[in-house]
């Protein structure tokens, strides 16, 4: 029986770890992709107040709800390519609308 070099086991473990990380990223991205026209829209936190509203309006969407953060809102559009239009209008990140709980602020 031939023994593998000492660094071979570490190399194989790294390859498996990288593959698992890639799988996790792909699955997370699929879970966060907007569906049914409802999207959580985020703009840069240092943007002027109301910027998220401008981005949604420019993309042809309507505002469904706020999030408690001035840089995020839940938007809706039944038109195709809504996510693309949001990015073109200046959104930094567009996620599935069901993830809005991530932006909720808690009262102090």
PDB file of N, CA and C in Angstrom:
ATOM      1  N   UNK A   1       0.832  -1.163   0.000  1.00  0.00           N
ATOM      2  CA  UNK A   1       0.000   0.000   0.000  1.00  0.00           C
ATOM      3  C   UNK A   1       0.890   1.244   0.000  1.00  0.00           C
ATOM      4  N   UNK A   2       0.596   2.145  -0.902  1.00  0.00           N
ATOM      5  CA  UNK A   2       1.406   3.331  -1.053  1.00  0.00           C
ATOM      6  C   UNK A   2       0.840   4.456  -0.192  1.00  0.00           C
ATOM      7  N   UNK A   3       1.699   5.150   0.525  1.00  0.00           N
ATOM      8  CA  UNK A   3       1.269   6.239   1.386  1.00  0.00           C
ATOM      9  C   UNK A   3       1.344   7.541   0.607  1.00  0.00           C
ATOM     10  N   UNK A   4       0.366   8.402   0.856  1.00  0.00           N
ATOM     11  CA  UNK A   4       0.363   9.700   0.194  1.00  0.00           C
ATOM     12  C   UNK A   4       1.274  10.667   0.952  1.00  0.00           C
ATOM     13  N   UNK A   5       1.809  11.651   0.252  1.00  0.00           N
ATOM     14  CA  UNK A   5       2.680  12.629   0.907  1.00  0.00           C
ATOM     15  C   UNK A   5       1.905  13.366   2.016  1.00  0.00           C
ATOM     16  N   UNK A   6       2.593  13.885   3.019  1.00  0.00           N
ATOM     17  CA  UNK A   6       1.920  14.507   4.154  1.00  0.00           C
ATOM     18  C   UNK A   6       1.019  15.685   3.774  1.00  0.00           C
ATOM     19  N   UNK A   7       1.372  16.473   2.790  1.00  0.00           N
ATOM     20  CA  UNK A   7       0.566  17.629   2.402  1.00  0.00           C
ATOM     21  C   UNK A   7      -0.641  17.273   1.548  1.00  0.00           C
ATOM     22  N   UNK A   8      -0.701  16.053   1.050  1.00  0.00           N
ATOM     23  CA  UNK A   8      -1.788  15.636   0.162  1.00  0.00           C
ATOM     24  C   UNK A   8      -3.141  15.640   0.874  1.00  0.00           C
ATOM     25  N   UNK A   9      -3.171  15.202   2.108  1.00  0.00           N
ATOM     26  CA  UNK A   9      -4.429  15.156   2.876  1.00  0.00           C
ATOM     27  C   UNK A   9      -4.975  16.571   3.090  1.00  0.00           C
ATOM     28  N   UNK A  10      -4.095  17.515   3.390  1.00  0.00           N
ATOM     29  CA  UNK A  10      -4.510  18.914   3.580  1.00  0.00           C
ATOM     30  C   UNK A  10      -5.031  19.486   2.271  1.00  0.00           C
ATOM     31  N   UNK A  11      -4.372  19.181   1.176  1.00  0.00           N
ATOM     32  CA  UNK A  11      -4.802  19.663  -0.141  1.00  0.00           C
ATOM     33  C   UNK A  11      -6.187  19.146  -0.484  1.00  0.00           C
ATOM     34  N   UNK A  12      -6.421  17.866  -0.236  1.00  0.00           N
ATOM     35  CA  UNK A  12      -7.729  17.280  -0.519  1.00  0.00           C
ATOM     36  C   UNK A  12      -8.814  17.896   0.361  1.00  0.00           C
ATOM     37  N   UNK A  13      -8.499  18.150   1.608  1.00  0.00           N
ATOM     38  CA  UNK A  13      -9.457  18.772   2.517  1.00  0.00           C
ATOM     39  C   UNK A  13      -9.798  20.181   2.053  1.00  0.00           C
ATOM     40  N   UNK A  14      -8.826  20.920   1.583  1.00  0.00           N
ATOM     41  CA  UNK A  14      -9.078  22.274   1.059  1.00  0.00           C
ATOM     42  C   UNK A  14      -9.973  22.232  -0.173  1.00  0.00           C
ATOM     43  N   UNK A  15      -9.721  21.298  -1.057  1.00  0.00           N
ATOM     44  CA  UNK A  15     -10.544  21.182  -2.270  1.00  0.00           C
ATOM     45  C   UNK A  15     -11.998  20.888  -1.898  1.00  0.00           C
ATOM     46  N   UNK A  16     -12.201  19.992  -0.966  1.00  0.00           N
ATOM     47  CA  UNK A  16     -13.558  19.668  -0.520  1.00  0.00           C
ATOM     48  C   UNK A  16     -14.200  20.896   0.126  1.00  0.00           C
ATOM     49  N   UNK A  17     -13.450  21.617   0.946  1.00  0.00           N
ATOM     50  CA  UNK A  17     -13.968  22.824   1.598  1.00  0.00           C
ATOM     51  C   UNK A  17     -14.373  23.892   0.600  1.00  0.00           C
ATOM     52  N   UNK A  18     -13.562  24.109  -0.421  1.00  0.00           N
ATOM     53  CA  UNK A  18     -13.882  25.096  -1.455  1.00  0.00           C
ATOM     54  C   UNK A  18     -15.137  24.679  -2.214  1.00  0.00           C
ATOM     55  N   UNK A  19     -15.249  23.403  -2.551  1.00  0.00           N
ATOM     56  CA  UNK A  19     -16.442  22.922  -3.251  1.00  0.00           C
ATOM     57  C   UNK A  19     -17.702  23.112  -2.408  1.00  0.00           C
ATOM     58  N   UNK A  20     -17.631  22.809  -1.134  1.00  0.00           N
ATOM     59  CA  UNK A  20     -18.788  23.004  -0.250  1.00  0.00           C
ATOM     60  C   UNK A  20     -19.158  24.478  -0.124  1.00  0.00           C
ATOM     61  N   UNK A  21     -18.162  25.355  -0.074  1.00  0.00           N
ATOM     62  CA  UNK A  21     -18.424  26.794  -0.003  1.00  0.00           C
ATOM     63  C   UNK A  21     -19.119  27.286  -1.273  1.00  0.00           C
ATOM     64  N   UNK A  22     -18.659  26.822  -2.430  1.00  0.00           N
ATOM     65  CA  UNK A  22     -19.295  27.217  -3.696  1.00  0.00           C
ATOM     66  C   UNK A  22     -20.745  26.732  -3.738  1.00  0.00           C
ATOM     67  N   UNK A  23     -20.983  25.515  -3.315  1.00  0.00           N
ATOM     68  CA  UNK A  23     -22.345  24.981  -3.282  1.00  0.00           C
ATOM     69  C   UNK A  23     -23.220  25.826  -2.362  1.00  0.00           C
ATOM     70  N   UNK A  24     -22.711  26.208  -1.198  1.00  0.00           N
ATOM     71  CA  UNK A  24     -23.473  27.023  -0.251  1.00  0.00           C
ATOM     72  C   UNK A  24     -23.813  28.388  -0.849  1.00  0.00           C
ATOM     73  N   UNK A  25     -22.868  29.003  -1.543  1.00  0.00           N
ATOM     74  CA  UNK A  25     -23.112  30.311  -2.165  1.00  0.00           C
ATOM     75  C   UNK A  25     -24.179  30.202  -3.248  1.00  0.00           C
ATOM     76  N   UNK A  26     -24.103  29.184  -4.075  1.00  0.00           N
ATOM     77  CA  UNK A  26     -25.082  29.005  -5.151  1.00  0.00           C
ATOM     78  C   UNK A  26     -26.482  28.767  -4.579  1.00  0.00           C
ATOM     79  N   UNK A  27     -26.580  27.930  -3.566  1.00  0.00           N
ATOM     80  CA  UNK A  27     -27.881  27.674  -2.941  1.00  0.00           C
ATOM     81  C   UNK A  27     -28.438  28.923  -2.265  1.00  0.00           C
ATOM     82  N   UNK A  28     -27.591  29.688  -1.606  1.00  0.00           N
ATOM     83  CA  UNK A  28     -28.040  30.922  -0.960  1.00  0.00           C
ATOM     84  C   UNK A  28     -28.503  31.936  -2.005  1.00  0.00           C
ATOM     85  N   UNK A  29     -27.775  32.051  -3.100  1.00  0.00           N
ATOM     86  CA  UNK A  29     -28.172  32.981  -4.158  1.00  0.00           C
ATOM     87  C   UNK A  29     -29.511  32.587  -4.758  1.00  0.00           C
ATOM     88  N   UNK A  30     -29.736  31.299  -4.931  1.00  0.00           N
ATOM     89  CA  UNK A  30     -31.019  30.839  -5.472  1.00  0.00           C
ATOM     90  C   UNK A  30     -32.156  31.130  -4.502  1.00  0.00           C
ATOM     91  N   UNK A  31     -31.888  31.018  -3.222  1.00  0.00           N
ATOM     92  CA  UNK A  31     -32.931  31.270  -2.222  1.00  0.00           C
ATOM     93  C   UNK A  31     -33.240  32.759  -2.096  1.00  0.00           C
ATOM     94  N   UNK A  32     -32.284  33.619  -2.405  1.00  0.00           N
ATOM     95  CA  UNK A  32     -32.474  35.055  -2.238  1.00  0.00           C
ATOM     96  C   UNK A  32     -32.921  35.766  -3.512  1.00  0.00           C
ATOM     97  N   UNK A  33     -33.018  35.055  -4.616  1.00  0.00           N
ATOM     98  CA  UNK A  33     -33.423  35.665  -5.875  1.00  0.00           C
ATOM     99  C   UNK A  33     -34.893  36.068  -5.799  1.00  0.00           C
ATOM    100  N   UNK A  34     -35.224  37.313  -6.184  1.00  0.00           N
ATOM    101  CA  UNK A  34     -36.617  37.763  -6.112  1.00  0.00           C
ATOM    102  C   UNK A  34     -37.545  36.897  -6.952  1.00  0.00           C
ATOM    103  N   UNK A  35     -38.708  36.582  -6.365  1.00  0.00           N
ATOM    104  CA  UNK A  35     -39.738  35.814  -7.069  1.00  0.00           C
ATOM    105  C   UNK A  35     -41.058  36.559  -6.990  1.00  0.00           C
ATOM    106  N   UNK A  36     -41.929  36.266  -7.884  1.00  0.00           N
ATOM    107  CA  UNK A  36     -43.291  36.814  -7.879  1.00  0.00           C
ATOM    108  C   UNK A  36     -43.323  38.336  -7.909  1.00  0.00           C
ATOM    109  N   UNK A  37     -42.290  38.979  -8.425  1.00  0.00           N
ATOM    110  CA  UNK A  37     -42.296  40.421  -8.582  1.00  0.00           C
ATOM    111  C   UNK A  37     -42.073  41.210  -7.313  1.00  0.00           C
ATOM    112  N   UNK A  38     -41.941  40.542  -6.175  1.00  0.00           N
ATOM    113  CA  UNK A  38     -41.724  41.228  -4.904  1.00  0.00           C
ATOM    114  C   UNK A  38     -40.239  41.189  -4.583  1.00  0.00           C
ATOM    115  N   UNK A  39     -39.670  42.363  -4.254  1.00  0.00           N
ATOM    116  CA  UNK A  39     -38.230  42.432  -4.031  1.00  0.00           C
ATOM    117  C   UNK A  39     -37.901  43.360  -2.870  1.00  0.00           C
ATOM    118  N   UNK A  40     -36.864  42.994  -2.150  1.00  0.00           N
ATOM    119  CA  UNK A  40     -36.286  43.859  -1.135  1.00  0.00           C
ATOM    120  C   UNK A  40     -35.177  44.635  -1.828  1.00  0.00           C
ATOM    121  N   UNK A  41     -35.337  45.942  -1.904  1.00  0.00           N
ATOM    122  CA  UNK A  41     -34.412  46.790  -2.649  1.00  0.00           C
ATOM    123  C   UNK A  41     -33.544  47.565  -1.665  1.00  0.00           C
ATOM    124  N   UNK A  42     -32.243  47.510  -1.867  1.00  0.00           N
ATOM    125  CA  UNK A  42     -31.310  48.242  -1.013  1.00  0.00           C
ATOM    126  C   UNK A  42     -30.444  49.157  -1.865  1.00  0.00           C
ATOM    127  N   UNK A  43     -30.265  50.379  -1.372  1.00  0.00           N
ATOM    128  CA  UNK A  43     -29.332  51.319  -1.984  1.00  0.00           C
ATOM    129  C   UNK A  43     -28.209  51.547  -0.979  1.00  0.00           C
ATOM    130  N   UNK A  44     -27.194  52.276  -1.363  1.00  0.00           N
ATOM    131  CA  UNK A  44     -26.071  52.535  -0.463  1.00  0.00           C
ATOM    132  C   UNK A  44     -26.576  53.252   0.793  1.00  0.00           C
ATOM    133  N   UNK A  45     -26.140  52.817   1.972  1.00  0.00           N
ATOM    134  CA  UNK A  45     -26.616  53.428   3.223  1.00  0.00           C
ATOM    135  C   UNK A  45     -26.293  54.916   3.338  1.00  0.00           C
ATOM    136  N   UNK A  46     -25.282  55.387   2.643  1.00  0.00           N
ATOM    137  CA  UNK A  46     -24.912  56.793   2.705  1.00  0.00           C
ATOM    138  C   UNK A  46     -25.658  57.640   1.664  1.00  0.00           C
ATOM    139  N   UNK A  47     -26.576  57.031   0.923  1.00  0.00           N
ATOM    140  CA  UNK A  47     -27.378  57.767  -0.056  1.00  0.00           C
ATOM    141  C   UNK A  47     -28.288  58.741   0.664  1.00  0.00           C
ATOM    142  N   UNK A  48     -28.721  59.769  -0.072  1.00  0.00           N
ATOM    143  CA  UNK A  48     -29.635  60.741   0.528  1.00  0.00           C
ATOM    144  C   UNK A  48     -30.974  60.066   0.830  1.00  0.00           C
ATOM    145  N   UNK A  49     -31.681  60.521   1.843  1.00  0.00           N
ATOM    146  CA  UNK A  49     -32.981  59.932   2.181  1.00  0.00           C
ATOM    147  C   UNK A  49     -33.924  59.976   0.975  1.00  0.00           C
ATOM    148  N   UNK A  50     -34.639  58.941   0.773  1.00  0.00           N
ATOM    149  CA  UNK A  50     -35.578  58.867  -0.345  1.00  0.00           C
ATOM    150  C   UNK A  50     -34.981  58.276  -1.612  1.00  0.00           C
ATOM    151  N   UNK A  51     -33.699  57.990  -1.612  1.00  0.00           N
ATOM    152  CA  UNK A  51     -33.065  57.437  -2.822  1.00  0.00           C
ATOM    153  C   UNK A  51     -33.667  56.094  -3.206  1.00  0.00           C
ATOM    154  N   UNK A  52     -33.973  55.259  -2.224  1.00  0.00           N
ATOM    155  CA  UNK A  52     -34.559  53.955  -2.526  1.00  0.00           C
ATOM    156  C   UNK A  52     -35.909  54.125  -3.221  1.00  0.00           C
ATOM    157  N   UNK A  53     -36.662  55.145  -2.842  1.00  0.00           N
ATOM    158  CA  UNK A  53     -37.958  55.401  -3.484  1.00  0.00           C
ATOM    159  C   UNK A  53     -37.769  55.814  -4.940  1.00  0.00           C
ATOM    160  N   UNK A  54     -36.752  56.629  -5.195  1.00  0.00           N
ATOM    161  CA  UNK A  54     -36.443  57.052  -6.563  1.00  0.00           C
ATOM    162  C   UNK A  54     -36.062  55.859  -7.440  1.00  0.00           C
ATOM    163  N   UNK A  55     -35.249  54.967  -6.889  1.00  0.00           N
ATOM    164  CA  UNK A  55     -34.795  53.789  -7.637  1.00  0.00           C
ATOM    165  C   UNK A  55     -35.989  52.916  -8.011  1.00  0.00           C
ATOM    166  N   UNK A  56     -36.880  52.681  -7.068  1.00  0.00           N
ATOM    167  CA  UNK A  56     -38.058  51.833  -7.325  1.00  0.00           C
ATOM    168  C   UNK A  56     -38.959  52.483  -8.364  1.00  0.00           C
ATOM    169  N   UNK A  57     -39.199  53.784  -8.241  1.00  0.00           N
ATOM    170  CA  UNK A  57     -40.061  54.482  -9.198  1.00  0.00           C
ATOM    171  C   UNK A  57     -39.447  54.468 -10.597  1.00  0.00           C
ATOM    172  N   UNK A  58     -38.139  54.696 -10.678  1.00  0.00           N
ATOM    173  CA  UNK A  58     -37.472  54.701 -11.981  1.00  0.00           C
ATOM    174  C   UNK A  58     -37.520  53.331 -12.645  1.00  0.00           C
ATOM    175  N   UNK A  59     -37.555  52.267 -11.839  1.00  0.00           N
ATOM    176  CA  UNK A  59     -37.609  50.905 -12.377  1.00  0.00           C
ATOM    177  C   UNK A  59     -39.036  50.490 -12.723  1.00  0.00           C
ATOM    178  N   UNK A  60     -40.012  51.347 -12.439  1.00  0.00           N
ATOM    179  CA  UNK A  60     -41.398  51.034 -12.773  1.00  0.00           C
ATOM    180  C   UNK A  60     -42.105  50.195 -11.724  1.00  0.00           C
ATOM    181  N   UNK A  61     -41.610  50.210 -10.496  1.00  0.00           N
ATOM    182  CA  UNK A  61     -42.232  49.424  -9.431  1.00  0.00           C
ATOM    183  C   UNK A  61     -43.028  50.289  -8.483  1.00  0.00           C
ATOM    184  N   UNK A  62     -43.749  49.642  -7.606  1.00  0.00           N
ATOM    185  CA  UNK A  62     -44.495  50.339  -6.560  1.00  0.00           C
ATOM    186  C   UNK A  62     -43.959  49.893  -5.204  1.00  0.00           C
ATOM    187  N   UNK A  63     -44.061  50.775  -4.241  1.00  0.00           N
ATOM    188  CA  UNK A  63     -43.572  50.474  -2.900  1.00  0.00           C
ATOM    189  C   UNK A  63     -44.667  49.753  -2.133  1.00  0.00           C
ATOM    190  N   UNK A  64     -44.315  48.598  -1.593  1.00  0.00           N
ATOM    191  CA  UNK A  64     -45.275  47.820  -0.816  1.00  0.00           C
ATOM    192  C   UNK A  64     -45.164  48.124   0.670  1.00  0.00           C
ATOM    193  N   UNK A  65     -43.916  48.320   1.146  1.00  0.00           N
ATOM    194  CA  UNK A  65     -43.706  48.495   2.571  1.00  0.00           C
ATOM    195  C   UNK A  65     -42.315  49.041   2.807  1.00  0.00           C
ATOM    196  N   UNK A  66     -42.153  49.739   3.903  1.00  0.00           N
ATOM    197  CA  UNK A  66     -40.837  50.177   4.341  1.00  0.00           C
ATOM    198  C   UNK A  66     -40.199  49.073   5.171  1.00  0.00           C
ATOM    199  N   UNK A  67     -38.973  49.294   5.571  1.00  0.00           N
ATOM    200  CA  UNK A  67     -38.277  48.277   6.349  1.00  0.00           C
ATOM    201  C   UNK A  67     -37.765  48.800   7.682  1.00  0.00           C
ATOM    202  N   UNK A  68     -37.938  50.061   7.949  1.00  0.00           N
ATOM    203  CA  UNK A  68     -37.359  50.640   9.145  1.00  0.00           C
ATOM    204  C   UNK A  68     -35.976  51.206   8.887  1.00  0.00           C
ATOM    205  N   UNK A  69     -35.426  50.952   7.723  1.00  0.00           N
ATOM    206  CA  UNK A  69     -34.126  51.494   7.320  1.00  0.00           C
ATOM    207  C   UNK A  69     -34.349  52.426   6.135  1.00  0.00           C
ATOM    208  N   UNK A  70     -33.738  53.619   6.147  1.00  0.00           N
ATOM    209  CA  UNK A  70     -33.982  54.573   5.052  1.00  0.00           C
ATOM    210  C   UNK A  70     -33.377  54.163   3.720  1.00  0.00           C
ATOM    211  N   UNK A  71     -32.575  53.136   3.716  1.00  0.00           N
ATOM    212  CA  UNK A  71     -31.918  52.699   2.476  1.00  0.00           C
ATOM    213  C   UNK A  71     -32.511  51.403   1.915  1.00  0.00           C
ATOM    214  N   UNK A  72     -33.651  50.952   2.451  1.00  0.00           N
ATOM    215  CA  UNK A  72     -34.253  49.700   1.988  1.00  0.00           C
ATOM    216  C   UNK A  72     -35.768  49.818   1.974  1.00  0.00           C
ATOM    217  N   UNK A  73     -36.389  49.136   1.019  1.00  0.00           N
ATOM    218  CA  UNK A  73     -37.846  49.087   0.933  1.00  0.00           C
ATOM    219  C   UNK A  73     -38.251  47.841   0.164  1.00  0.00           C
ATOM    220  N   UNK A  74     -39.483  47.431   0.376  1.00  0.00           N
ATOM    221  CA  UNK A  74     -40.029  46.291  -0.358  1.00  0.00           C
ATOM    222  C   UNK A  74     -40.835  46.847  -1.529  1.00  0.00           C
ATOM    223  N   UNK A  75     -40.530  46.365  -2.712  1.00  0.00           N
ATOM    224  CA  UNK A  75     -41.170  46.859  -3.932  1.00  0.00           C
ATOM    225  C   UNK A  75     -41.829  45.719  -4.681  1.00  0.00           C
ATOM    226  N   UNK A  76     -42.743  46.098  -5.592  1.00  0.00           N
ATOM    227  CA  UNK A  76     -43.432  45.102  -6.414  1.00  0.00           C
ATOM    228  C   UNK A  76     -43.582  45.620  -7.836  1.00  0.00           C
ATOM    229  N   UNK A  77     -43.450  44.698  -8.768  1.00  0.00           N
ATOM    230  CA  UNK A  77     -43.773  44.959 -10.166  1.00  0.00           C
ATOM    231  C   UNK A  77     -44.112  43.634 -10.826  1.00  0.00           C
ATOM    232  N   UNK A  78     -45.182  43.627 -11.588  1.00  0.00           N
ATOM    233  CA  UNK A  78     -45.565  42.432 -12.319  1.00  0.00           C
ATOM    234  C   UNK A  78     -44.902  42.332 -13.682  1.00  0.00           C
ATOM    235  N   UNK A  79     -44.160  43.361 -14.038  1.00  0.00           N
ATOM    236  CA  UNK A  79     -43.496  43.392 -15.335  1.00  0.00           C
ATOM    237  C   UNK A  79     -42.227  42.532 -15.309  1.00  0.00           C
ATOM    238  N   UNK A  80     -41.874  41.927 -16.435  1.00  0.00           N
ATOM    239  CA  UNK A  80     -40.640  41.130 -16.479  1.00  0.00           C
ATOM    240  C   UNK A  80     -39.395  42.015 -16.347  1.00  0.00           C
ATOM    241  N   UNK A  81     -38.306  41.412 -15.920  1.00  0.00           N
ATOM    242  CA  UNK A  81     -37.006  42.062 -15.783  1.00  0.00           C
ATOM    243  C   UNK A  81     -37.000  43.181 -14.743  1.00  0.00           C
ATOM    244  N   UNK A  82     -37.851  43.080 -13.738  1.00  0.00           N
ATOM    245  CA  UNK A  82     -37.906  44.102 -12.687  1.00  0.00           C
ATOM    246  C   UNK A  82     -36.576  44.191 -11.946  1.00  0.00           C
ATOM    247  N   UNK A  83     -36.000  43.063 -11.623  1.00  0.00           N
ATOM    248  CA  UNK A  83     -34.724  43.066 -10.907  1.00  0.00           C
ATOM    249  C   UNK A  83     -33.644  43.769 -11.727  1.00  0.00           C
ATOM    250  N   UNK A  84     -33.573  43.482 -12.995  1.00  0.00           N
ATOM    251  CA  UNK A  84     -32.598  44.127 -13.870  1.00  0.00           C
ATOM    252  C   UNK A  84     -32.812  45.640 -13.888  1.00  0.00           C
ATOM    253  N   UNK A  85     -34.064  46.070 -13.984  1.00  0.00           N
ATOM    254  CA  UNK A  85     -34.361  47.503 -14.020  1.00  0.00           C
ATOM    255  C   UNK A  85     -33.994  48.175 -12.695  1.00  0.00           C
ATOM    256  N   UNK A  86     -34.170  47.467 -11.584  1.00  0.00           N
ATOM    257  CA  UNK A  86     -33.783  48.026 -10.288  1.00  0.00           C
ATOM    258  C   UNK A  86     -32.270  48.259 -10.234  1.00  0.00           C
ATOM    259  N   UNK A  87     -31.502  47.274 -10.690  1.00  0.00           N
ATOM    260  CA  UNK A  87     -30.050  47.444 -10.723  1.00  0.00           C
ATOM    261  C   UNK A  87     -29.658  48.586 -11.656  1.00  0.00           C
ATOM    262  N   UNK A  88     -30.319  48.692 -12.790  1.00  0.00           N
ATOM    263  CA  UNK A  88     -30.030  49.764 -13.741  1.00  0.00           C
ATOM    264  C   UNK A  88     -30.373  51.133 -13.164  1.00  0.00           C
ATOM    265  N   UNK A  89     -31.340  51.179 -12.266  1.00  0.00           N
ATOM    266  CA  UNK A  89     -31.758  52.439 -11.653  1.00  0.00           C
ATOM    267  C   UNK A  89     -30.879  52.853 -10.485  1.00  0.00           C
ATOM    268  N   UNK A  90     -30.037  51.963 -10.002  1.00  0.00           N
ATOM    269  CA  UNK A  90     -29.121  52.333  -8.937  1.00  0.00           C
ATOM    270  C   UNK A  90     -29.184  51.483  -7.678  1.00  0.00           C
ATOM    271  N   UNK A  91     -29.938  50.401  -7.688  1.00  0.00           N
ATOM    272  CA  UNK A  91     -29.974  49.525  -6.517  1.00  0.00           C
ATOM    273  C   UNK A  91     -28.625  48.842  -6.341  1.00  0.00           C
ATOM    274  N   UNK A  92     -28.189  48.724  -5.103  1.00  0.00           N
ATOM    275  CA  UNK A  92     -26.933  48.052  -4.804  1.00  0.00           C
ATOM    276  C   UNK A  92     -27.164  46.556  -4.660  1.00  0.00           C
ATOM    277  N   UNK A  93     -28.318  46.186  -4.086  1.00  0.00           N
ATOM    278  CA  UNK A  93     -28.635  44.789  -3.852  1.00  0.00           C
ATOM    279  C   UNK A  93     -30.140  44.608  -3.961  1.00  0.00           C
ATOM    280  N   UNK A  94     -30.565  43.538  -4.607  1.00  0.00           N
ATOM    281  CA  UNK A  94     -31.979  43.208  -4.745  1.00  0.00           C
ATOM    282  C   UNK A  94     -32.153  41.763  -4.302  1.00  0.00           C
ATOM    283  N   UNK A  95     -32.978  41.565  -3.270  1.00  0.00           N
ATOM    284  CA  UNK A  95     -33.215  40.237  -2.717  1.00  0.00           C
ATOM    285  C   UNK A  95     -34.695  39.913  -2.766  1.00  0.00           C
ATOM    286  N   UNK A  96     -35.021  38.674  -2.439  1.00  0.00           N
ATOM    287  CA  UNK A  96     -36.418  38.263  -2.354  1.00  0.00           C
ATOM    288  C   UNK A  96     -37.104  39.080  -1.258  1.00  0.00           C
ATOM    289  N   UNK A  97     -38.318  39.528  -1.505  1.00  0.00           N
ATOM    290  CA  UNK A  97     -39.053  40.363  -0.566  1.00  0.00           C
ATOM    291  C   UNK A  97     -39.308  39.715   0.776  1.00  0.00           C
ATOM    292  N   UNK A  98     -39.307  38.401   0.833  1.00  0.00           N
ATOM    293  CA  UNK A  98     -39.539  37.718   2.103  1.00  0.00           C
ATOM    294  C   UNK A  98     -38.368  37.878   3.068  1.00  0.00           C
ATOM    295  N   UNK A  99     -37.235  38.417   2.598  1.00  0.00           N
ATOM    296  CA  UNK A  99     -36.065  38.618   3.453  1.00  0.00           C
ATOM    297  C   UNK A  99     -36.054  39.991   4.111  1.00  0.00           C
ATOM    298  N   UNK A 100     -37.164  40.717   4.048  1.00  0.00           N
ATOM    299  CA  UNK A 100     -37.229  42.069   4.607  1.00  0.00           C
ATOM    300  C   UNK A 100     -36.988  42.082   6.108  1.00  0.00           C
ATOM    301  N   UNK A 101     -37.257  40.985   6.781  1.00  0.00           N
ATOM    302  CA  UNK A 101     -37.041  40.954   8.224  1.00  0.00           C
ATOM    303  C   UNK A 101     -35.582  41.231   8.585  1.00  0.00           C
ATOM    304  N   UNK A 102     -34.661  41.053   7.630  1.00  0.00           N
ATOM    305  CA  UNK A 102     -33.250  41.329   7.892  1.00  0.00           C
ATOM    306  C   UNK A 102     -32.978  42.807   8.096  1.00  0.00           C
ATOM    307  N   UNK A 103     -33.845  43.661   7.565  1.00  0.00           N
ATOM    308  CA  UNK A 103     -33.653  45.108   7.650  1.00  0.00           C
ATOM    309  C   UNK A 103     -34.476  45.754   8.754  1.00  0.00           C
ATOM    310  N   UNK A 104     -35.285  45.005   9.439  1.00  0.00           N
ATOM    311  CA  UNK A 104     -36.136  45.577  10.489  1.00  0.00           C
ATOM    312  C   UNK A 104     -35.271  46.050  11.643  1.00  0.00           C
ATOM    313  N   UNK A 105     -35.550  47.235  12.109  1.00  0.00           N
ATOM    314  CA  UNK A 105     -34.841  47.717  13.284  1.00  0.00           C
ATOM    315  C   UNK A 105     -35.659  47.402  14.517  1.00  0.00           C
ATOM    316  N   UNK A 106     -34.978  47.153  15.596  1.00  0.00           N
ATOM    317  CA  UNK A 106     -35.683  46.835  16.838  1.00  0.00           C
ATOM    318  C   UNK A 106     -35.770  48.063  17.711  1.00  0.00           C
ATOM    319  N   UNK A 107     -36.913  48.302  18.368  1.00  0.00           N
ATOM    320  CA  UNK A 107     -37.032  49.472  19.230  1.00  0.00           C
ATOM    321  C   UNK A 107     -36.107  49.343  20.440  1.00  0.00           C
ATOM    322  N   UNK A 108     -35.579  50.465  20.883  1.00  0.00           N
ATOM    323  CA  UNK A 108     -34.634  50.443  22.000  1.00  0.00           C
ATOM    324  C   UNK A 108     -35.293  50.853  23.278  1.00  0.00           C
TER     325      UNK A 108
END
